[in-house]
Amino acid sequence: MGNMQEKPTSGQTTSNNAQEKPTDGGPSSTAAPSDNQKVEVKNASDNQKTETQSPVQTYGDGKSKCCMVYAKALDITWSGDTRYWRWFKETSGDNFEAAELLNVCWLEVRGKLATTVLSPGTLYEVVFVVKMKTKAYGWDAPVNLKFTPPDGAVPRETKFKLTDLKDSKDQWKDIPFGEFIAPANPGNIEFSLYEYGGRWKSGLVIKGVAVRPKS
């Protein structure tokens, strides 16, 4: 897989050669639910578990709601191609599907969340929750993290070196990259993680994006 991997275009899937344009099929990634229609509100004291969690979960009481946008609710480029990503059920703690990066050079993960599921007036932090496999490679360049607040302000961008997580021994780690005050009026936040440098990468596992009150 030494050739450059093209970014898939709308309505296309990948072919056997990453350089060729696909000729049939649908999108290769999983789109985020529109306006978070799949949000399931649960109380933190509710210990009932479903077989697989809803891709967007909101917890807590009216004063301190927090939200987890799992990987299945994110738009991950190439995630429908088993040569590049692997989906698996994580059963330790919450039951959810995580996405493991097998090998890509074009890394792009995007998502959004309606602020109506949060507590107005609360200061929130936005955190990517990921882990690195012991045999991860290709992360010499930092990844880019982008956050767009609900007030229409200019998006905020930062960089993070995932090599800093290589010694985490496959434990979930937080990467904070944005904060905002939940508005009283409806709005959306948007977020992304990407790296287009052309180097083939492997070993990143994505749980999702946590939006939680900042202590």
N, C-alpha and C. Protein backbone atom coordinates (compact mmCIF):
# COMPACT_ATOMS: atom_id res chain seq x y z
N MET A 1 0.84 -1.20 0.00
CA MET A 1 0.00 0.00 0.00
C MET A 1 0.88 1.25 0.00
N GLY A 2 1.82 1.27 -0.92
CA GLY A 2 2.75 2.38 -0.91
C GLY A 2 2.26 3.58 -1.66
N ASN A 3 1.11 3.47 -2.37
CA ASN A 3 0.61 4.59 -3.14
C ASN A 3 -0.21 5.54 -2.28
N MET A 4 -0.32 6.78 -2.76
CA MET A 4 -1.11 7.76 -2.03
C MET A 4 -2.57 7.36 -2.02
N GLN A 5 -3.21 7.49 -0.89
CA GLN A 5 -4.61 7.15 -0.74
C GLN A 5 -5.43 8.38 -1.05
N GLU A 6 -6.39 8.29 -1.97
CA GLU A 6 -7.23 9.41 -2.31
C GLU A 6 -8.35 9.56 -1.30
N LYS A 7 -8.77 10.81 -1.10
CA LYS A 7 -9.95 11.03 -0.29
C LYS A 7 -11.17 10.61 -1.08
N PRO A 8 -12.09 9.79 -0.49
CA PRO A 8 -13.28 9.39 -1.22
C PRO A 8 -14.20 10.57 -1.45
N THR A 9 -14.89 10.58 -2.57
CA THR A 9 -15.85 11.63 -2.85
C THR A 9 -17.25 11.12 -2.58
N SER A 10 -18.22 12.03 -2.55
CA SER A 10 -19.59 11.68 -2.20
C SER A 10 -20.13 10.61 -3.14
N GLY A 11 -20.77 9.58 -2.53
CA GLY A 11 -21.37 8.53 -3.31
C GLY A 11 -20.41 7.49 -3.80
N GLN A 12 -19.17 7.43 -3.24
CA GLN A 12 -18.18 6.49 -3.71
C GLN A 12 -17.67 5.64 -2.56
N THR A 13 -17.25 4.43 -2.91
CA THR A 13 -16.53 3.58 -1.97
C THR A 13 -15.17 3.31 -2.54
N THR A 14 -14.29 2.71 -1.73
CA THR A 14 -12.95 2.44 -2.21
C THR A 14 -12.93 1.21 -3.08
N SER A 15 -11.95 1.13 -3.99
CA SER A 15 -11.78 -0.02 -4.85
C SER A 15 -10.59 -0.82 -4.36
N ASN A 16 -10.19 -1.87 -5.09
CA ASN A 16 -9.07 -2.70 -4.67
C ASN A 16 -7.75 -1.96 -4.74
N ASN A 17 -7.67 -0.93 -5.55
CA ASN A 17 -6.48 -0.10 -5.62
C ASN A 17 -6.83 1.26 -5.06
N ALA A 18 -6.10 1.70 -4.04
CA ALA A 18 -6.46 2.95 -3.36
C ALA A 18 -6.35 4.15 -4.28
N GLN A 19 -5.60 4.04 -5.42
CA GLN A 19 -5.46 5.16 -6.32
C GLN A 19 -6.62 5.27 -7.29
N GLU A 20 -7.35 4.17 -7.52
CA GLU A 20 -8.42 4.19 -8.49
C GLU A 20 -9.68 4.79 -7.90
N LYS A 21 -10.47 5.43 -8.74
CA LYS A 21 -11.75 5.94 -8.29
C LYS A 21 -12.77 4.82 -8.31
N PRO A 22 -13.51 4.62 -7.25
CA PRO A 22 -14.50 3.54 -7.21
C PRO A 22 -15.61 3.80 -8.21
N THR A 23 -16.27 2.72 -8.61
CA THR A 23 -17.29 2.84 -9.63
C THR A 23 -18.69 2.55 -9.14
N ASP A 24 -18.82 2.00 -7.95
CA ASP A 24 -20.16 1.71 -7.47
C ASP A 24 -20.19 1.77 -5.95
N GLY A 25 -21.42 1.66 -5.42
CA GLY A 25 -21.58 1.62 -3.96
C GLY A 25 -21.90 2.97 -3.38
N GLY A 26 -22.03 3.01 -2.05
CA GLY A 26 -22.39 4.23 -1.34
C GLY A 26 -21.22 4.77 -0.58
N PRO A 27 -21.46 5.73 0.30
CA PRO A 27 -20.39 6.35 1.08
C PRO A 27 -19.67 5.31 1.92
N SER A 28 -18.37 5.53 2.13
CA SER A 28 -17.57 4.55 2.87
C SER A 28 -17.50 4.86 4.34
N SER A 29 -18.15 5.93 4.80
CA SER A 29 -18.07 6.29 6.21
C SER A 29 -19.46 6.34 6.81
N THR A 30 -19.50 6.43 8.13
CA THR A 30 -20.76 6.46 8.86
C THR A 30 -21.08 7.89 9.23
N ALA A 31 -22.18 8.43 8.75
CA ALA A 31 -22.51 9.83 8.97
C ALA A 31 -23.09 10.04 10.35
N ALA A 32 -22.88 11.25 10.88
CA ALA A 32 -23.44 11.60 12.18
C ALA A 32 -24.95 11.77 12.05
N PRO A 33 -25.72 11.43 13.07
CA PRO A 33 -27.17 11.57 12.98
C PRO A 33 -27.57 13.03 12.87
N SER A 34 -28.54 13.33 12.03
CA SER A 34 -28.98 14.70 11.82
C SER A 34 -29.64 15.23 13.09
N ASP A 35 -29.14 16.40 13.54
CA ASP A 35 -29.67 17.05 14.74
C ASP A 35 -29.76 16.10 15.93
N ASN A 36 -28.89 15.10 15.92
CA ASN A 36 -28.81 14.18 17.06
C ASN A 36 -30.13 13.50 17.35
N GLN A 37 -30.80 13.04 16.29
CA GLN A 37 -32.07 12.38 16.48
C GLN A 37 -31.95 11.09 17.26
N LYS A 38 -30.72 10.55 17.31
CA LYS A 38 -30.53 9.28 17.99
C LYS A 38 -30.13 9.44 19.45
N VAL A 39 -30.17 10.65 19.97
CA VAL A 39 -29.78 10.88 21.36
C VAL A 39 -30.71 10.15 22.30
N GLU A 40 -30.14 9.46 23.24
CA GLU A 40 -30.92 8.78 24.28
C GLU A 40 -30.54 9.39 25.61
N VAL A 41 -31.50 10.00 26.31
CA VAL A 41 -31.21 10.65 27.58
C VAL A 41 -31.37 9.63 28.70
N LYS A 42 -30.32 9.48 29.50
CA LYS A 42 -30.36 8.53 30.61
C LYS A 42 -29.91 9.24 31.88
N ASN A 43 -30.46 8.81 32.99
CA ASN A 43 -30.03 9.34 34.27
C ASN A 43 -28.78 8.60 34.71
N ALA A 44 -27.86 9.31 35.34
CA ALA A 44 -26.60 8.70 35.75
C ALA A 44 -26.80 7.54 36.71
N SER A 45 -27.94 7.53 37.43
CA SER A 45 -28.19 6.47 38.39
C SER A 45 -28.84 5.25 37.75
N ASP A 46 -29.18 5.35 36.46
CA ASP A 46 -29.81 4.23 35.76
C ASP A 46 -28.75 3.26 35.31
N ASN A 47 -28.72 2.09 35.92
CA ASN A 47 -27.67 1.12 35.63
C ASN A 47 -28.07 0.11 34.57
N GLN A 48 -29.24 0.27 33.98
CA GLN A 48 -29.68 -0.66 32.97
C GLN A 48 -28.83 -0.52 31.72
N LYS A 49 -28.40 -1.62 31.12
CA LYS A 49 -27.55 -1.64 29.94
C LYS A 49 -28.29 -2.28 28.78
N THR A 50 -28.19 -1.68 27.62
CA THR A 50 -28.70 -2.31 26.42
C THR A 50 -27.58 -3.10 25.79
N GLU A 51 -27.93 -3.95 24.84
CA GLU A 51 -26.92 -4.79 24.21
C GLU A 51 -25.85 -3.95 23.54
N THR A 52 -26.26 -2.88 22.86
CA THR A 52 -25.32 -1.92 22.27
C THR A 52 -25.84 -0.52 22.56
N GLN A 53 -24.99 0.34 23.06
CA GLN A 53 -25.41 1.69 23.39
C GLN A 53 -25.82 2.45 22.14
N SER A 54 -26.76 3.40 22.32
CA SER A 54 -27.06 4.35 21.27
C SER A 54 -25.79 5.12 20.94
N PRO A 55 -25.57 5.51 19.66
CA PRO A 55 -24.31 6.16 19.30
C PRO A 55 -24.09 7.52 19.95
N VAL A 56 -25.14 8.13 20.50
CA VAL A 56 -24.99 9.37 21.25
C VAL A 56 -25.71 9.20 22.58
N GLN A 57 -25.00 9.38 23.68
CA GLN A 57 -25.56 9.18 25.01
C GLN A 57 -25.44 10.45 25.84
N THR A 58 -26.53 10.82 26.51
CA THR A 58 -26.51 11.96 27.42
C THR A 58 -26.79 11.47 28.83
N TYR A 59 -25.98 11.89 29.78
CA TYR A 59 -26.09 11.44 31.17
C TYR A 59 -26.21 12.64 32.10
N GLY A 60 -26.64 12.36 33.34
CA GLY A 60 -26.64 13.39 34.37
C GLY A 60 -28.01 14.01 34.58
N ASP A 61 -28.09 14.91 35.58
CA ASP A 61 -29.34 15.58 35.86
C ASP A 61 -29.40 16.90 35.08
N GLY A 62 -30.44 17.66 35.32
CA GLY A 62 -30.64 18.90 34.57
C GLY A 62 -29.58 19.96 34.81
N LYS A 63 -28.85 19.84 35.91
CA LYS A 63 -27.84 20.85 36.24
C LYS A 63 -26.46 20.51 35.71
N SER A 64 -26.22 19.25 35.38
CA SER A 64 -24.86 18.86 34.99
C SER A 64 -24.87 17.76 33.93
N LYS A 65 -25.61 17.98 32.85
CA LYS A 65 -25.64 16.99 31.79
C LYS A 65 -24.29 16.91 31.07
N CYS A 66 -23.93 15.70 30.69
CA CYS A 66 -22.75 15.51 29.85
C CYS A 66 -23.12 14.53 28.75
N CYS A 67 -22.33 14.51 27.69
CA CYS A 67 -22.70 13.75 26.51
C CYS A 67 -21.50 13.01 25.95
N MET A 68 -21.74 11.81 25.43
CA MET A 68 -20.71 11.03 24.75
C MET A 68 -21.18 10.73 23.33
N VAL A 69 -20.42 11.20 22.37
CA VAL A 69 -20.69 10.94 20.96
C VAL A 69 -19.76 9.81 20.54
N TYR A 70 -20.29 8.58 20.48
CA TYR A 70 -19.46 7.43 20.18
C TYR A 70 -19.02 7.43 18.71
N ALA A 71 -18.02 6.60 18.41
CA ALA A 71 -17.43 6.57 17.07
C ALA A 71 -18.47 6.32 15.99
N LYS A 72 -19.49 5.51 16.26
CA LYS A 72 -20.50 5.20 15.26
C LYS A 72 -21.31 6.42 14.84
N ALA A 73 -21.31 7.47 15.65
CA ALA A 73 -22.02 8.70 15.32
C ALA A 73 -21.11 9.71 14.65
N LEU A 74 -19.85 9.34 14.40
CA LEU A 74 -18.90 10.23 13.74
C LEU A 74 -18.78 9.88 12.27
N ASP A 75 -18.38 10.85 11.49
CA ASP A 75 -18.13 10.63 10.06
C ASP A 75 -16.64 10.37 9.90
N ILE A 76 -16.27 9.10 9.70
CA ILE A 76 -14.87 8.68 9.61
C ILE A 76 -14.59 8.26 8.17
N THR A 77 -13.75 9.01 7.49
CA THR A 77 -13.42 8.69 6.10
C THR A 77 -12.80 7.30 5.99
N TRP A 78 -13.28 6.50 5.04
CA TRP A 78 -12.83 5.14 4.76
C TRP A 78 -13.30 4.11 5.80
N SER A 79 -14.14 4.50 6.74
CA SER A 79 -14.48 3.57 7.83
C SER A 79 -15.31 2.38 7.37
N GLY A 80 -15.89 2.45 6.17
CA GLY A 80 -16.65 1.33 5.66
C GLY A 80 -15.80 0.31 4.91
N ASP A 81 -14.51 0.56 4.80
CA ASP A 81 -13.60 -0.34 4.08
C ASP A 81 -12.75 -1.10 5.09
N THR A 82 -12.91 -2.42 5.12
CA THR A 82 -12.23 -3.24 6.13
C THR A 82 -10.73 -3.32 5.93
N ARG A 83 -10.21 -2.81 4.81
CA ARG A 83 -8.75 -2.75 4.64
C ARG A 83 -8.15 -1.62 5.46
N TYR A 84 -8.98 -0.63 5.81
CA TYR A 84 -8.47 0.57 6.46
C TYR A 84 -8.93 0.74 7.91
N TRP A 85 -10.14 0.29 8.23
CA TRP A 85 -10.66 0.42 9.59
C TRP A 85 -11.32 -0.88 10.01
N ARG A 86 -11.30 -1.12 11.31
CA ARG A 86 -11.96 -2.29 11.90
C ARG A 86 -12.90 -1.82 13.01
N TRP A 87 -14.15 -2.25 12.95
CA TRP A 87 -15.12 -1.94 13.99
C TRP A 87 -15.23 -3.14 14.94
N PHE A 88 -15.26 -2.87 16.23
CA PHE A 88 -15.40 -3.95 17.20
C PHE A 88 -16.18 -3.45 18.40
N LYS A 89 -16.84 -4.39 19.08
CA LYS A 89 -17.63 -4.03 20.26
C LYS A 89 -16.73 -4.01 21.49
N GLU A 90 -16.77 -2.89 22.19
CA GLU A 90 -16.04 -2.73 23.45
C GLU A 90 -17.00 -3.01 24.59
N THR A 91 -16.72 -4.02 25.38
CA THR A 91 -17.65 -4.44 26.43
C THR A 91 -17.17 -4.11 27.85
N SER A 92 -15.99 -3.54 27.96
CA SER A 92 -15.51 -3.14 29.29
C SER A 92 -16.14 -1.80 29.65
N GLY A 93 -17.00 -1.79 30.64
CA GLY A 93 -17.74 -0.58 30.98
C GLY A 93 -18.97 -0.48 30.10
N ASP A 94 -19.09 0.62 29.35
CA ASP A 94 -20.21 0.80 28.43
C ASP A 94 -20.08 -0.17 27.25
N ASN A 95 -21.22 -0.56 26.70
CA ASN A 95 -21.23 -1.38 25.49
C ASN A 95 -21.32 -0.47 24.28
N PHE A 96 -20.27 -0.39 23.50
CA PHE A 96 -20.27 0.49 22.33
C PHE A 96 -19.33 -0.08 21.28
N GLU A 97 -19.44 0.44 20.06
CA GLU A 97 -18.55 0.04 18.98
C GLU A 97 -17.43 1.06 18.83
N ALA A 98 -16.20 0.57 18.85
CA ALA A 98 -15.04 1.43 18.66
C ALA A 98 -14.48 1.21 17.27
N ALA A 99 -13.74 2.19 16.76
CA ALA A 99 -13.14 2.12 15.43
C ALA A 99 -11.62 2.06 15.57
N GLU A 100 -11.02 1.01 15.02
CA GLU A 100 -9.56 0.87 15.06
C GLU A 100 -8.98 1.13 13.67
N LEU A 101 -8.04 2.05 13.60
CA LEU A 101 -7.38 2.37 12.34
C LEU A 101 -6.36 1.30 12.00
N LEU A 102 -6.55 0.64 10.84
CA LEU A 102 -5.63 -0.39 10.40
C LEU A 102 -4.50 0.18 9.55
N ASN A 103 -4.86 1.06 8.60
CA ASN A 103 -3.83 1.65 7.74
C ASN A 103 -4.45 2.67 6.80
N VAL A 104 -4.17 3.94 6.99
CA VAL A 104 -4.58 5.00 6.07
C VAL A 104 -3.49 6.05 6.02
N CYS A 105 -3.49 6.83 4.95
CA CYS A 105 -2.63 8.02 4.93
C CYS A 105 -3.47 9.29 4.99
N TRP A 106 -4.78 9.16 4.66
CA TRP A 106 -5.70 10.29 4.75
C TRP A 106 -6.60 10.05 5.96
N LEU A 107 -6.29 10.72 7.07
CA LEU A 107 -7.06 10.55 8.30
C LEU A 107 -8.03 11.72 8.45
N GLU A 108 -9.31 11.41 8.57
CA GLU A 108 -10.32 12.46 8.72
C GLU A 108 -11.50 11.93 9.52
N VAL A 109 -11.76 12.58 10.66
CA VAL A 109 -12.86 12.21 11.55
C VAL A 109 -13.63 13.49 11.88
N ARG A 110 -14.94 13.49 11.59
CA ARG A 110 -15.74 14.69 11.82
C ARG A 110 -17.02 14.34 12.56
N GLY A 111 -17.58 15.33 13.28
CA GLY A 111 -18.84 15.11 13.97
C GLY A 111 -19.46 16.42 14.43
N LYS A 112 -20.70 16.32 14.94
CA LYS A 112 -21.37 17.50 15.48
C LYS A 112 -22.35 17.07 16.57
N LEU A 113 -22.77 18.03 17.37
CA LEU A 113 -23.70 17.75 18.46
C LEU A 113 -24.61 18.94 18.65
N ALA A 114 -25.91 18.69 18.80
CA ALA A 114 -26.88 19.74 19.10
C ALA A 114 -26.77 20.10 20.58
N THR A 115 -26.63 21.39 20.87
CA THR A 115 -26.44 21.84 22.26
C THR A 115 -27.72 21.74 23.08
N THR A 116 -28.84 21.43 22.44
CA THR A 116 -30.11 21.31 23.18
C THR A 116 -30.09 20.16 24.17
N VAL A 117 -29.15 19.22 24.03
CA VAL A 117 -29.07 18.09 24.96
C VAL A 117 -28.20 18.43 26.18
N LEU A 118 -27.67 19.65 26.22
CA LEU A 118 -26.77 20.06 27.31
C LEU A 118 -27.47 21.02 28.26
N SER A 119 -26.77 21.43 29.32
CA SER A 119 -27.33 22.33 30.33
C SER A 119 -26.94 23.77 30.02
N PRO A 120 -27.91 24.64 29.67
CA PRO A 120 -27.60 26.03 29.32
C PRO A 120 -26.83 26.75 30.42
N GLY A 121 -25.86 27.57 30.01
CA GLY A 121 -25.07 28.34 30.96
C GLY A 121 -23.91 27.60 31.58
N THR A 122 -23.75 26.31 31.25
CA THR A 122 -22.67 25.50 31.81
C THR A 122 -21.44 25.57 30.91
N LEU A 123 -20.27 25.70 31.51
CA LEU A 123 -19.01 25.68 30.77
C LEU A 123 -18.64 24.23 30.48
N TYR A 124 -18.50 23.89 29.21
CA TYR A 124 -18.19 22.53 28.79
C TYR A 124 -16.81 22.45 28.16
N GLU A 125 -16.19 21.28 28.27
CA GLU A 125 -14.98 20.98 27.52
C GLU A 125 -15.30 19.87 26.53
N VAL A 126 -14.59 19.90 25.40
CA VAL A 126 -14.78 18.92 24.33
C VAL A 126 -13.50 18.09 24.24
N VAL A 127 -13.65 16.76 24.29
CA VAL A 127 -12.50 15.87 24.45
C VAL A 127 -12.61 14.68 23.50
N PHE A 128 -11.60 14.44 22.66
CA PHE A 128 -11.52 13.19 21.91
C PHE A 128 -11.03 12.10 22.87
N VAL A 129 -11.70 10.95 22.88
CA VAL A 129 -11.31 9.83 23.72
C VAL A 129 -10.76 8.74 22.81
N VAL A 130 -9.46 8.48 22.93
CA VAL A 130 -8.78 7.54 22.03
C VAL A 130 -7.78 6.71 22.82
N LYS A 131 -7.23 5.70 22.15
CA LYS A 131 -6.08 5.00 22.69
C LYS A 131 -5.20 4.56 21.53
N MET A 132 -3.94 4.26 21.82
CA MET A 132 -2.98 3.85 20.81
C MET A 132 -2.57 2.41 21.06
N LYS A 133 -2.61 1.60 20.01
CA LYS A 133 -2.14 0.22 20.12
C LYS A 133 -0.63 0.21 20.31
N THR A 134 -0.13 -0.82 20.96
CA THR A 134 1.30 -0.93 21.24
C THR A 134 2.13 -0.88 19.96
N LYS A 135 1.60 -1.45 18.87
CA LYS A 135 2.35 -1.51 17.61
C LYS A 135 1.95 -0.40 16.64
N ALA A 136 1.43 0.70 17.16
CA ALA A 136 1.04 1.82 16.29
C ALA A 136 2.26 2.39 15.58
N TYR A 137 2.03 2.91 14.36
CA TYR A 137 3.14 3.51 13.62
C TYR A 137 2.62 4.65 12.73
N GLY A 138 3.55 5.47 12.23
CA GLY A 138 3.23 6.53 11.28
C GLY A 138 2.77 7.83 11.89
N TRP A 139 3.04 8.05 13.18
CA TRP A 139 2.52 9.23 13.86
C TRP A 139 3.59 10.27 14.16
N ASP A 140 4.60 10.37 13.31
CA ASP A 140 5.65 11.37 13.52
C ASP A 140 5.09 12.79 13.45
N ALA A 141 4.15 13.01 12.54
CA ALA A 141 3.52 14.33 12.42
C ALA A 141 2.34 14.43 13.39
N PRO A 142 2.10 15.59 13.98
CA PRO A 142 0.95 15.75 14.88
C PRO A 142 -0.35 15.73 14.10
N VAL A 143 -1.43 15.35 14.78
CA VAL A 143 -2.76 15.44 14.18
C VAL A 143 -3.33 16.82 14.46
N ASN A 144 -4.29 17.23 13.64
CA ASN A 144 -4.96 18.52 13.80
C ASN A 144 -6.32 18.31 14.44
N LEU A 145 -6.66 19.15 15.39
CA LEU A 145 -7.95 19.10 16.07
C LEU A 145 -8.65 20.43 15.85
N LYS A 146 -9.90 20.37 15.42
CA LYS A 146 -10.65 21.59 15.11
C LYS A 146 -11.97 21.58 15.85
N PHE A 147 -12.31 22.73 16.44
CA PHE A 147 -13.56 22.86 17.19
C PHE A 147 -14.28 24.14 16.77
N THR A 148 -15.56 24.01 16.42
CA THR A 148 -16.39 25.16 16.06
C THR A 148 -17.46 25.34 17.12
N PRO A 149 -17.42 26.45 17.87
CA PRO A 149 -18.39 26.68 18.95
C PRO A 149 -19.78 27.00 18.40
N PRO A 150 -20.82 26.98 19.25
CA PRO A 150 -22.19 27.17 18.78
C PRO A 150 -22.54 28.63 18.50
N ASP A 151 -21.68 29.57 18.86
CA ASP A 151 -22.01 30.98 18.71
C ASP A 151 -21.57 31.55 17.37
N GLY A 152 -21.10 30.69 16.47
CA GLY A 152 -20.68 31.17 15.16
C GLY A 152 -19.31 31.80 15.15
N ALA A 153 -18.57 31.67 16.23
CA ALA A 153 -17.23 32.24 16.29
C ALA A 153 -16.28 31.48 15.37
N VAL A 154 -15.11 32.05 15.15
CA VAL A 154 -14.12 31.42 14.29
C VAL A 154 -13.70 30.08 14.89
N PRO A 155 -13.64 29.02 14.09
CA PRO A 155 -13.21 27.71 14.61
C PRO A 155 -11.83 27.78 15.25
N ARG A 156 -11.63 26.97 16.27
CA ARG A 156 -10.35 26.94 16.97
C ARG A 156 -9.61 25.67 16.58
N GLU A 157 -8.36 25.81 16.24
CA GLU A 157 -7.57 24.67 15.80
C GLU A 157 -6.33 24.50 16.68
N THR A 158 -5.97 23.26 16.92
CA THR A 158 -4.78 22.96 17.69
C THR A 158 -4.15 21.69 17.14
N LYS A 159 -2.94 21.38 17.58
CA LYS A 159 -2.23 20.18 17.14
C LYS A 159 -1.88 19.32 18.35
N PHE A 160 -1.78 18.02 18.11
CA PHE A 160 -1.44 17.10 19.20
C PHE A 160 -0.64 15.94 18.65
N LYS A 161 0.44 15.58 19.33
CA LYS A 161 1.27 14.46 18.90
C LYS A 161 0.79 13.17 19.57
N LEU A 162 0.22 12.29 18.77
CA LEU A 162 -0.30 11.04 19.32
C LEU A 162 0.81 10.13 19.84
N THR A 163 2.05 10.41 19.45
CA THR A 163 3.16 9.63 20.00
C THR A 163 3.26 9.81 21.51
N ASP A 164 2.68 10.90 22.03
CA ASP A 164 2.68 11.12 23.47
C ASP A 164 1.82 10.08 24.19
N LEU A 165 0.98 9.36 23.44
CA LEU A 165 0.10 8.35 24.04
C LEU A 165 0.62 6.94 23.86
N LYS A 166 1.79 6.78 23.21
CA LYS A 166 2.29 5.45 22.88
C LYS A 166 2.56 4.59 24.11
N ASP A 167 2.85 5.20 25.25
CA ASP A 167 3.15 4.46 26.47
C ASP A 167 1.92 4.28 27.36
N SER A 168 0.74 4.51 26.80
CA SER A 168 -0.49 4.43 27.61
C SER A 168 -0.98 2.99 27.79
N LYS A 169 -0.30 2.02 27.14
CA LYS A 169 -0.61 0.59 27.31
C LYS A 169 -2.08 0.28 27.01
N ASP A 170 -2.53 0.78 25.86
CA ASP A 170 -3.87 0.49 25.37
C ASP A 170 -4.98 0.97 26.31
N GLN A 171 -4.73 2.02 27.06
CA GLN A 171 -5.74 2.60 27.93
C GLN A 171 -6.37 3.81 27.25
N TRP A 172 -7.67 4.02 27.48
CA TRP A 172 -8.34 5.19 26.91
C TRP A 172 -7.75 6.47 27.50
N LYS A 173 -7.47 7.44 26.62
CA LYS A 173 -6.89 8.71 27.04
C LYS A 173 -7.71 9.86 26.47
N ASP A 174 -7.73 10.98 27.19
CA ASP A 174 -8.46 12.17 26.78
C ASP A 174 -7.54 13.16 26.08
N ILE A 175 -8.05 13.76 24.99
CA ILE A 175 -7.35 14.85 24.31
C ILE A 175 -8.29 16.06 24.30
N PRO A 176 -8.21 16.95 25.30
CA PRO A 176 -9.07 18.15 25.32
C PRO A 176 -8.65 19.10 24.19
N PHE A 177 -9.64 19.66 23.49
CA PHE A 177 -9.27 20.57 22.40
C PHE A 177 -10.27 21.71 22.20
N GLY A 178 -11.24 21.86 23.09
CA GLY A 178 -12.17 22.97 22.95
C GLY A 178 -13.01 23.13 24.19
N GLU A 179 -13.57 24.32 24.35
CA GLU A 179 -14.51 24.58 25.44
C GLU A 179 -15.48 25.66 25.01
N PHE A 180 -16.66 25.67 25.66
CA PHE A 180 -17.70 26.63 25.31
C PHE A 180 -18.74 26.66 26.42
N ILE A 181 -19.54 27.71 26.43
CA ILE A 181 -20.67 27.80 27.36
C ILE A 181 -21.93 27.43 26.59
N ALA A 182 -22.65 26.43 27.07
CA ALA A 182 -23.86 25.97 26.38
C ALA A 182 -24.89 27.10 26.33
N PRO A 183 -25.36 27.44 25.13
CA PRO A 183 -26.31 28.56 25.00
C PRO A 183 -27.73 28.15 25.36
N ALA A 184 -28.55 29.15 25.64
CA ALA A 184 -29.97 28.90 25.91
C ALA A 184 -30.72 28.60 24.61
N ASN A 185 -30.27 29.21 23.51
CA ASN A 185 -30.91 28.99 22.22
C ASN A 185 -30.29 27.77 21.52
N PRO A 186 -31.07 27.08 20.69
CA PRO A 186 -30.54 25.90 19.99
C PRO A 186 -29.34 26.24 19.12
N GLY A 187 -28.41 25.34 19.07
CA GLY A 187 -27.22 25.52 18.25
C GLY A 187 -26.49 24.19 18.10
N ASN A 188 -25.40 24.20 17.38
CA ASN A 188 -24.59 23.00 17.18
C ASN A 188 -23.13 23.30 17.42
N ILE A 189 -22.40 22.34 17.94
CA ILE A 189 -20.95 22.40 17.94
C ILE A 189 -20.46 21.39 16.90
N GLU A 190 -19.32 21.68 16.30
CA GLU A 190 -18.73 20.77 15.32
C GLU A 190 -17.28 20.53 15.71
N PHE A 191 -16.78 19.34 15.36
CA PHE A 191 -15.41 18.99 15.75
C PHE A 191 -14.81 18.03 14.74
N SER A 192 -13.50 18.03 14.65
CA SER A 192 -12.83 17.12 13.71
C SER A 192 -11.41 16.83 14.17
N LEU A 193 -10.91 15.70 13.70
CA LEU A 193 -9.53 15.28 13.90
C LEU A 193 -9.03 14.82 12.53
N TYR A 194 -7.89 15.37 12.08
CA TYR A 194 -7.44 15.02 10.74
C TYR A 194 -5.92 15.16 10.60
N GLU A 195 -5.40 14.45 9.60
CA GLU A 195 -3.98 14.54 9.24
C GLU A 195 -3.85 14.05 7.80
N TYR A 196 -3.41 14.94 6.91
CA TYR A 196 -3.36 14.64 5.48
C TYR A 196 -1.93 14.56 4.94
N GLY A 197 -0.99 14.31 5.78
CA GLY A 197 0.41 14.42 5.38
C GLY A 197 0.90 13.38 4.40
N GLY A 198 0.19 12.29 4.18
CA GLY A 198 0.61 11.30 3.21
C GLY A 198 1.34 10.10 3.80
N ARG A 199 1.70 10.17 5.07
CA ARG A 199 2.36 9.03 5.71
C ARG A 199 1.31 8.00 6.15
N TRP A 200 1.57 6.74 5.87
CA TRP A 200 0.64 5.69 6.28
C TRP A 200 0.68 5.52 7.80
N LYS A 201 -0.51 5.40 8.40
CA LYS A 201 -0.65 5.38 9.85
C LYS A 201 -1.49 4.21 10.29
N SER A 202 -1.23 3.72 11.49
CA SER A 202 -1.99 2.59 12.04
C SER A 202 -1.97 2.64 13.56
N GLY A 203 -2.97 1.99 14.18
CA GLY A 203 -2.93 1.79 15.62
C GLY A 203 -3.76 2.74 16.46
N LEU A 204 -4.43 3.73 15.84
CA LEU A 204 -5.30 4.63 16.59
C LEU A 204 -6.66 3.97 16.78
N VAL A 205 -7.19 4.01 18.00
CA VAL A 205 -8.52 3.47 18.29
C VAL A 205 -9.37 4.61 18.82
N ILE A 206 -10.55 4.79 18.24
CA ILE A 206 -11.41 5.91 18.60
C ILE A 206 -12.65 5.42 19.34
N LYS A 207 -12.81 5.92 20.56
CA LYS A 207 -14.05 5.68 21.31
C LYS A 207 -15.10 6.70 20.92
N GLY A 208 -14.72 7.99 20.87
CA GLY A 208 -15.65 9.03 20.49
C GLY A 208 -15.23 10.38 21.03
N VAL A 209 -16.20 11.27 21.15
CA VAL A 209 -15.97 12.63 21.65
C VAL A 209 -16.85 12.85 22.87
N ALA A 210 -16.22 13.23 23.98
CA ALA A 210 -16.96 13.53 25.21
C ALA A 210 -17.16 15.04 25.32
N VAL A 211 -18.38 15.44 25.68
CA VAL A 211 -18.70 16.84 25.95
C VAL A 211 -19.21 16.87 27.38
N ARG A 212 -18.43 17.45 28.28
CA ARG A 212 -18.74 17.35 29.70
C ARG A 212 -18.41 18.64 30.43
N PRO A 213 -19.11 18.92 31.54
CA PRO A 213 -18.83 20.14 32.31
C PRO A 213 -17.36 20.21 32.70
N LYS A 214 -16.79 21.38 32.55
CA LYS A 214 -15.38 21.57 32.89
C LYS A 214 -15.26 21.90 34.37
N SER A 215 -14.50 21.10 35.09
CA SER A 215 -14.38 21.29 36.54
C SER A 215 -13.35 22.36 36.84
